[in-house]
Amino acid sequence: MQTVTLLLKDHRGKERIFVEFLYNKNINDAIKQVPGARWSRTNKNWHLSAEKNSVRALQQKLSSLAIIDTSILKKQLEEKKKMPLAMLPPTTQKIMLHELCAGNQLALDIFIKTLQLRAYSSNTIRTYRTEFGVLLKLLNRHPVNDLQEGHIKSYILFLLQKKNYSESQAHTAINAIKFYFEKVLNRPQIVVHIPRPKKPWQLPRVHAVEQVKKLIGCTNNQKHKTMLMLAYASGLRLQEIINLKINDINSARMVIEVRRGKGKKDRQVVLSEKLLLQLRKYFKFYKPKIWLFENKTGEQYGYRTLQEVFANAKEKAGIKKQGGIHTMRHSFATHLLENGTDLRLIQELLGHNSIKTTIRYTHVSKAMIGKVKSPLDEIDL
């Protein structure tokens, strides 16, 4: 019997189980019948959703036709077990959380449903689900509802010291646990005294104007170029760029309508004349239907895909500065400030709740720092 090999691969920003085998019509036809099976033109392989049910369905279809080799897949999952669950794609998390005990599985289901009922954003639900899942996986068969304050303090210390969580990650873990005990179990006393690690105060990473020019100029793909120009011209967050629809571009008023941005707030940002020209060029070539940026199947562009677009542009431009596409937002704000734009207006454009968040751009602005003369320049050397 022929051997069919299973392995995890990234496909359009999502992890999928790829099926590799020497072509055989009977095997090929059997895989077609597996629910959710898709053909990748790029990889020339069938791929399935990264779930145990998909593997079981495949095993049933091929039971009399081939031997299924899962050794590589198991090795890949073992490697991922060594990583913090928060760093893994949602599909891999789903596999690894599949074997929770019944009580903790029920707790996870209720946790997610409560987040959904309270209309939390999909990003928050995904992040909280991940962090709550880390705890449940560690507990194994110990019921999460039996945890007390001392257990949670020890767990947060474990994340910081053993799992090398950053202060921000630890805050997210505490928020997820806090939500479960306060909003699901109505037991706020358990987490009310949990100390939070102090977050470091970090300056935003900003690109010089010439670097922004290089980033955009070295990108030949018109869709990718439009995305980068939009990120810098409007200061939108990554998710806000992905969520834009065609109707959100208001060329009559020269504004971009941001619907349900961070905190579910609507706002308007400026539509650059150069960006509008680029958008028209992009429209003529790609003809999107609903979303401003769509993939080949007409769905909105993926979160990770847009990050990869930016990473590729940085590499081509020879820019070593750390940070993802969010640095374009920081650059937008800093360059506006250096050009004399009022800080309150920048706050509105960025959608910040507090002016304190916006003030940090004064710490990286050349207009502010450039006014200071170093005492070294006063010494005759």
Protein backbone atom coordinates (compact mmCIF):
# COMPACT_ATOMS: atom_id res chain seq x y z
CA MET A 1 0.00 0.00 0.00
CA GLN A 2 1.15 3.54 -0.74
CA THR A 3 2.12 5.89 2.11
CA VAL A 4 0.38 9.23 2.59
CA THR A 5 2.26 11.79 4.71
CA LEU A 6 0.57 14.50 6.82
CA LEU A 7 2.29 17.70 7.91
CA LEU A 8 1.43 21.22 9.06
CA LYS A 9 2.02 24.14 6.70
CA ASP A 10 1.05 27.79 6.62
CA HIS A 11 -1.44 28.56 3.85
CA ARG A 12 -2.63 32.16 3.33
CA GLY A 13 -2.01 33.04 6.95
CA LYS A 14 -3.67 29.90 8.36
CA GLU A 15 -2.20 26.58 9.45
CA ARG A 16 -3.52 23.63 7.44
CA ILE A 17 -2.74 19.90 7.37
CA PHE A 18 -1.20 19.10 3.98
CA VAL A 19 -1.53 15.64 2.44
CA GLU A 20 1.51 14.49 0.44
CA PHE A 21 1.53 11.34 -1.72
CA LEU A 22 2.61 10.03 -5.12
CA TYR A 23 -0.30 10.62 -7.47
CA ASN A 24 -2.88 7.86 -7.40
CA LYS A 25 -6.36 8.44 -8.82
CA ASN A 26 -8.17 6.37 -6.18
CA ILE A 27 -6.38 8.15 -3.32
CA ASN A 28 -6.93 11.52 -4.96
CA ASP A 29 -10.67 10.85 -5.39
CA ALA A 30 -10.96 9.65 -1.77
CA ILE A 31 -9.30 12.81 -0.39
CA LYS A 32 -11.74 14.94 -2.42
CA GLN A 33 -14.57 13.45 -0.36
CA VAL A 34 -13.09 14.49 2.99
CA PRO A 35 -15.17 17.41 4.37
CA GLY A 36 -13.26 20.69 4.08
CA ALA A 37 -10.55 19.32 1.76
CA ARG A 38 -9.08 22.03 -0.50
CA TRP A 39 -6.59 21.94 -3.39
CA SER A 40 -3.60 24.29 -3.27
CA ARG A 41 -2.48 25.39 -6.72
CA THR A 42 0.71 26.84 -5.24
CA ASN A 43 1.79 23.72 -3.32
CA LYS A 44 0.10 21.21 -5.67
CA ASN A 45 -1.36 19.37 -2.68
CA TRP A 46 -4.63 18.71 -0.92
CA HIS A 47 -4.94 20.33 2.51
CA LEU A 48 -7.39 19.98 5.40
CA SER A 49 -8.42 22.08 8.38
CA ALA A 50 -6.00 21.61 11.29
CA GLU A 51 -8.35 19.58 13.49
CA LYS A 52 -8.37 16.00 14.73
CA ASN A 53 -11.73 15.40 13.07
CA SER A 54 -10.12 16.08 9.68
CA VAL A 55 -7.42 13.46 10.33
CA ARG A 56 -10.03 10.92 11.44
CA ALA A 57 -12.16 11.56 8.34
CA LEU A 58 -9.09 11.14 6.13
CA GLN A 59 -8.15 7.88 7.88
CA GLN A 60 -11.65 6.50 7.24
CA LYS A 61 -11.56 7.42 3.55
CA LEU A 62 -8.08 5.94 2.99
CA SER A 63 -8.31 2.92 5.32
CA SER A 64 -8.21 0.42 2.42
CA LEU A 65 -6.11 2.51 0.03
CA ALA A 66 -3.03 3.81 1.87
CA ILE A 67 -0.97 3.91 5.06
CA ILE A 68 -1.17 7.31 6.73
CA ASP A 69 2.13 8.52 8.17
CA THR A 70 1.50 11.06 10.96
CA SER A 71 5.04 11.00 12.40
CA ILE A 72 6.00 14.42 10.97
CA LEU A 73 2.69 15.94 12.07
CA LYS A 74 3.13 14.58 15.61
CA LYS A 75 6.72 15.86 15.74
CA GLN A 76 5.55 19.34 14.61
CA LEU A 77 2.87 19.38 17.32
CA GLU A 78 5.40 18.23 19.94
CA GLU A 79 7.65 21.15 18.99
CA LYS A 80 4.72 23.55 19.28
CA LYS A 81 3.91 22.21 22.75
CA LYS A 82 7.22 23.74 23.90
CA MET A 83 6.03 27.17 22.76
CA PRO A 84 3.63 29.36 24.79
CA LEU A 85 0.13 28.62 23.47
CA ALA A 86 -0.38 32.36 22.93
CA MET A 87 2.27 32.29 20.19
CA LEU A 88 0.52 29.56 18.20
CA PRO A 89 -2.07 30.04 15.42
CA PRO A 90 -5.72 29.50 16.53
CA THR A 91 -5.99 26.31 14.44
CA THR A 92 -3.05 24.70 16.27
CA GLN A 93 -4.48 25.83 19.61
CA LYS A 94 -7.70 24.03 18.67
CA ILE A 95 -5.84 20.73 18.19
CA MET A 96 -3.91 21.11 21.43
CA LEU A 97 -6.97 22.06 23.49
CA HIS A 98 -9.04 19.21 22.06
CA GLU A 99 -8.38 16.80 24.94
CA LEU A 100 -9.35 18.93 27.94
CA CYS A 101 -11.31 17.17 30.67
CA ALA A 102 -15.09 17.55 30.36
CA GLY A 103 -15.35 20.14 33.16
CA ASN A 104 -12.62 22.40 31.79
CA GLN A 105 -13.91 22.01 28.22
CA LEU A 106 -17.32 23.19 29.45
CA ALA A 107 -15.62 26.10 31.25
CA LEU A 108 -13.87 27.10 28.00
CA ASP A 109 -17.13 26.91 26.03
CA ILE A 110 -19.03 29.05 28.55
CA PHE A 111 -16.09 31.47 28.74
CA ILE A 112 -16.18 32.04 24.95
CA LYS A 113 -19.99 32.32 24.84
CA THR A 114 -19.96 34.92 27.64
CA LEU A 115 -17.38 36.99 25.75
CA GLN A 116 -19.56 36.77 22.65
CA LEU A 117 -22.73 37.73 24.56
CA ARG A 118 -20.93 40.80 25.90
CA ALA A 119 -20.02 41.64 22.27
CA TYR A 120 -16.25 41.67 22.81
CA SER A 121 -14.25 42.12 19.62
CA SER A 122 -13.08 39.03 17.72
CA ASN A 123 -9.46 39.98 18.53
CA THR A 124 -10.16 40.15 22.27
CA ILE A 125 -12.09 36.87 22.19
CA ARG A 126 -9.22 35.17 20.35
CA THR A 127 -6.59 36.57 22.74
CA TYR A 128 -8.56 35.77 25.91
CA ARG A 129 -9.40 32.30 24.62
CA THR A 130 -5.71 31.66 23.98
CA GLU A 131 -4.60 32.76 27.44
CA PHE A 132 -7.42 30.94 29.24
CA GLY A 133 -6.52 27.87 27.15
CA VAL A 134 -2.89 28.03 28.37
CA LEU A 135 -4.16 27.76 31.95
CA LEU A 136 -6.60 24.93 31.17
CA LYS A 137 -3.95 22.94 29.32
CA LEU A 138 -1.57 23.25 32.27
CA LEU A 139 -4.28 22.20 34.73
CA ASN A 140 -4.83 19.01 32.75
CA ARG A 141 -7.68 17.29 34.66
CA HIS A 142 -7.68 19.60 37.67
CA PRO A 143 -10.95 21.65 37.61
CA VAL A 144 -10.36 25.33 36.93
CA ASN A 145 -13.27 26.22 39.21
CA ASP A 146 -11.32 24.86 42.22
CA LEU A 147 -8.54 27.44 41.87
CA GLN A 148 -7.95 29.91 44.69
CA GLU A 149 -6.08 33.23 44.87
CA GLY A 150 -2.77 31.58 45.81
CA HIS A 151 -2.94 29.23 42.81
CA ILE A 152 -3.47 32.11 40.39
CA LYS A 153 -0.58 34.13 41.88
CA SER A 154 1.71 31.11 41.48
CA TYR A 155 0.50 30.65 37.92
CA ILE A 156 1.26 34.26 36.92
CA LEU A 157 4.73 33.90 38.49
CA PHE A 158 5.18 30.70 36.48
CA LEU A 159 4.31 32.55 33.25
CA LEU A 160 6.81 35.32 33.99
CA GLN A 161 9.69 33.16 35.23
CA LYS A 162 9.34 29.87 33.34
CA LYS A 163 7.45 30.80 30.17
CA ASN A 164 9.26 34.14 29.76
CA TYR A 165 6.04 36.10 29.36
CA SER A 166 6.43 39.83 28.85
CA GLU A 167 4.66 42.19 31.23
CA SER A 168 2.00 42.87 28.56
CA GLN A 169 1.37 39.15 28.03
CA ALA A 170 1.04 38.64 31.78
CA HIS A 171 -1.52 41.47 31.94
CA THR A 172 -3.55 39.78 29.19
CA ALA A 173 -3.42 36.44 31.05
CA ILE A 174 -4.65 38.14 34.24
CA ASN A 175 -7.45 39.89 32.33
CA ALA A 176 -8.63 36.59 30.83
CA ILE A 177 -8.61 34.80 34.19
CA LYS A 178 -10.24 37.82 35.84
CA PHE A 179 -13.03 37.76 33.23
CA TYR A 180 -13.75 34.09 33.89
CA PHE A 181 -13.93 34.36 37.67
CA GLU A 182 -15.71 37.74 37.75
CA LYS A 183 -18.10 37.56 34.78
CA VAL A 184 -18.67 33.83 34.37
CA LEU A 185 -18.47 32.51 37.95
CA ASN A 186 -19.31 35.82 39.69
CA ARG A 187 -16.39 35.33 42.14
CA PRO A 188 -14.48 38.65 42.00
CA GLN A 189 -12.84 38.09 45.39
CA ILE A 190 -10.54 35.46 43.87
CA VAL A 191 -8.68 37.88 41.61
CA VAL A 192 -9.16 41.26 43.30
CA HIS A 193 -5.75 41.10 45.04
CA ILE A 194 -3.73 39.60 42.19
CA PRO A 195 -0.72 41.95 41.69
CA ARG A 196 0.07 43.06 38.14
CA PRO A 197 3.65 43.31 36.85
CA LYS A 198 4.68 46.86 36.03
CA LYS A 199 4.77 47.45 32.27
CA PRO A 200 7.92 49.03 30.80
CA TRP A 201 7.43 52.51 29.35
CA GLN A 202 8.53 52.16 25.73
CA LEU A 203 8.99 54.78 23.06
CA PRO A 204 7.23 54.17 19.73
CA ARG A 205 9.46 52.97 16.87
CA VAL A 206 9.44 55.56 14.10
CA HIS A 207 10.77 55.48 10.52
CA ALA A 208 12.41 58.52 8.95
CA VAL A 209 10.58 60.04 5.98
CA GLU A 210 13.26 58.68 3.61
CA GLN A 211 12.77 55.18 5.03
CA VAL A 212 9.00 55.39 4.45
CA LYS A 213 9.71 56.47 0.88
CA LYS A 214 11.99 53.42 0.42
CA LEU A 215 9.42 51.04 1.92
CA ILE A 216 6.72 52.18 -0.48
CA GLY A 217 9.01 52.67 -3.48
CA CYS A 218 10.52 49.17 -3.40
CA THR A 219 7.08 47.50 -3.48
CA ASN A 220 6.03 46.65 -7.04
CA ASN A 221 2.78 44.83 -6.28
CA GLN A 222 0.04 47.49 -6.57
CA LYS A 223 -2.15 45.99 -3.84
CA HIS A 224 0.75 45.78 -1.39
CA LYS A 225 1.90 49.30 -2.27
CA THR A 226 -1.62 50.65 -1.67
CA MET A 227 -1.74 48.97 1.75
CA LEU A 228 1.57 50.48 2.82
CA MET A 229 0.61 53.92 1.54
CA LEU A 230 -2.70 53.69 3.41
CA ALA A 231 -1.00 52.66 6.66
CA TYR A 232 1.30 55.69 6.54
CA ALA A 233 -1.15 58.23 5.02
CA SER A 234 -3.94 57.59 7.53
CA GLY A 235 -2.28 56.11 10.62
CA LEU A 236 -4.75 53.21 10.75
CA ARG A 237 -4.21 50.15 12.89
CA LEU A 238 -3.61 46.85 11.09
CA GLN A 239 -7.08 45.50 11.88
CA GLU A 240 -8.67 48.78 10.77
CA ILE A 241 -6.95 48.48 7.38
CA ILE A 242 -8.20 44.91 6.95
CA ASN A 243 -11.76 45.87 7.98
CA LEU A 244 -12.10 48.72 5.47
CA LYS A 245 -14.81 48.35 2.85
CA ILE A 246 -14.97 50.08 -0.52
CA ASN A 247 -17.76 52.39 0.67
CA ASP A 248 -15.57 53.64 3.53
CA ILE A 249 -13.48 55.68 1.05
CA ASN A 250 -15.29 59.01 0.76
CA SER A 251 -13.52 60.85 -2.06
CA ALA A 252 -16.19 63.59 -2.17
CA ARG A 253 -15.24 64.71 1.36
CA MET A 254 -11.65 63.40 1.15
CA VAL A 255 -12.00 61.32 4.30
CA ILE A 256 -11.80 57.62 5.19
CA GLU A 257 -14.58 56.31 7.43
CA VAL A 258 -13.22 53.96 10.10
CA ARG A 259 -16.11 51.78 11.30
CA ARG A 260 -15.95 50.16 14.72
CA GLY A 261 -12.25 50.74 15.31
CA LYS A 262 -10.56 49.88 18.59
CA GLY A 263 -13.09 50.19 21.40
CA LYS A 264 -15.88 49.90 18.76
CA LYS A 265 -15.56 53.60 17.98
CA ASP A 266 -16.22 55.17 14.58
CA ARG A 267 -13.96 57.98 13.41
CA GLN A 268 -12.82 59.78 10.27
CA VAL A 269 -9.26 60.15 9.04
CA VAL A 270 -7.81 62.25 6.24
CA LEU A 271 -7.75 60.84 2.68
CA SER A 272 -4.46 61.83 1.04
CA GLU A 273 -4.65 63.04 -2.57
CA LYS A 274 -1.69 60.79 -3.50
CA LEU A 275 -3.37 57.86 -1.79
CA LEU A 276 -6.60 58.52 -3.70
CA LEU A 277 -4.70 58.37 -7.02
CA GLN A 278 -3.09 55.10 -5.94
CA LEU A 279 -6.46 53.70 -4.82
CA ARG A 280 -7.97 54.44 -8.24
CA LYS A 281 -5.05 52.69 -9.95
CA TYR A 282 -5.47 49.74 -7.60
CA PHE A 283 -9.27 49.61 -8.15
CA LYS A 284 -8.87 49.53 -11.91
CA PHE A 285 -6.51 46.55 -11.73
CA TYR A 286 -7.95 44.40 -8.88
CA LYS A 287 -11.69 45.34 -8.93
CA PRO A 288 -12.52 44.44 -5.30
CA LYS A 289 -16.21 43.75 -4.62
CA ILE A 290 -16.87 44.40 -0.90
CA TRP A 291 -13.69 44.67 1.14
CA LEU A 292 -11.12 47.27 0.14
CA PHE A 293 -8.47 44.55 0.19
CA GLU A 294 -9.59 41.05 -0.78
CA ASN A 295 -7.76 37.78 -1.34
CA LYS A 296 -8.26 35.58 -4.41
CA THR A 297 -11.45 34.06 -3.00
CA GLY A 298 -13.03 37.46 -2.31
CA GLU A 299 -12.55 37.30 1.48
CA GLN A 300 -10.93 40.12 3.42
CA TYR A 301 -7.15 40.09 3.60
CA GLY A 302 -5.51 38.13 6.41
CA TYR A 303 -3.89 39.73 9.48
CA ARG A 304 -0.66 37.80 9.14
CA THR A 305 -0.52 38.27 5.38
CA LEU A 306 -0.42 42.04 5.74
CA GLN A 307 2.35 41.74 8.32
CA GLU A 308 4.31 39.63 5.83
CA VAL A 309 3.80 42.28 3.14
CA PHE A 310 5.39 44.84 5.45
CA ALA A 311 8.22 42.49 6.48
CA ASN A 312 9.06 41.81 2.82
CA ALA A 313 9.07 45.56 2.04
CA LYS A 314 11.43 46.19 4.97
CA GLU A 315 13.81 43.50 3.74
CA LYS A 316 13.82 44.90 0.19
CA ALA A 317 14.38 48.44 1.51
CA GLY A 318 17.26 47.23 3.72
CA ILE A 319 15.63 48.57 6.90
CA LYS A 320 16.79 46.79 10.08
CA LYS A 321 14.57 48.63 12.57
CA GLN A 322 12.43 46.21 14.57
CA GLY A 323 8.64 46.35 14.53
CA GLY A 324 5.75 45.48 12.25
CA ILE A 325 3.37 47.54 10.17
CA HIS A 326 2.22 49.39 13.30
CA THR A 327 5.44 51.42 13.00
CA MET A 328 3.82 53.16 10.01
CA ARG A 329 1.11 54.43 12.35
CA HIS A 330 3.78 55.69 14.77
CA SER A 331 5.58 57.37 11.87
CA PHE A 332 2.34 59.02 10.70
CA ALA A 333 1.74 60.53 14.15
CA THR A 334 5.34 61.64 14.69
CA HIS A 335 5.70 63.25 11.27
CA LEU A 336 2.39 65.10 11.73
CA LEU A 337 3.66 66.44 15.04
CA GLU A 338 6.95 67.53 13.45
CA ASN A 339 4.99 69.35 10.75
CA GLY A 340 3.15 71.38 13.37
CA THR A 341 -0.18 69.50 13.63
CA ASP A 342 -1.98 70.10 16.94
CA LEU A 343 -1.59 67.23 19.43
CA ARG A 344 -5.36 67.11 20.10
CA LEU A 345 -6.08 66.66 16.40
CA ILE A 346 -3.51 63.85 16.20
CA GLN A 347 -5.28 62.23 19.15
CA GLU A 348 -8.58 62.32 17.22
CA LEU A 349 -7.03 60.97 14.03
CA LEU A 350 -5.41 58.07 15.90
CA GLY A 351 -8.55 57.30 17.91
CA HIS A 352 -6.81 57.53 21.29
CA ASN A 353 -9.03 57.73 24.38
CA SER A 354 -6.49 59.72 26.34
CA ILE A 355 -4.14 62.53 25.32
CA LYS A 356 -1.53 60.80 27.53
CA THR A 357 -1.21 58.07 24.89
CA THR A 358 -0.61 60.65 22.16
CA ILE A 359 1.88 62.71 24.19
CA ARG A 360 4.48 59.95 23.93
CA TYR A 361 5.13 61.01 20.31
CA THR A 362 6.65 64.23 21.62
CA HIS A 363 9.46 62.08 23.05
CA VAL A 364 10.55 60.89 19.59
CA SER A 365 9.81 64.02 17.57
CA LYS A 366 12.81 65.67 15.89
CA ALA A 367 11.03 69.00 16.23
CA MET A 368 11.18 68.68 20.02
CA ILE A 369 14.55 66.97 20.48
CA GLY A 370 16.20 69.08 17.74
CA LYS A 371 15.70 72.25 19.79
CA VAL A 372 18.00 70.92 22.50
CA LYS A 373 21.69 71.66 22.14
CA SER A 374 24.06 69.17 23.71
CA PRO A 375 26.46 70.70 26.30
CA LEU A 376 29.29 68.92 24.44
CA ASP A 377 28.82 71.37 21.56
CA GLU A 378 29.65 74.24 23.91
CA ILE A 379 33.09 72.87 24.72
CA ASP A 380 36.05 73.96 22.61
CA LEU A 381 37.83 70.68 21.81
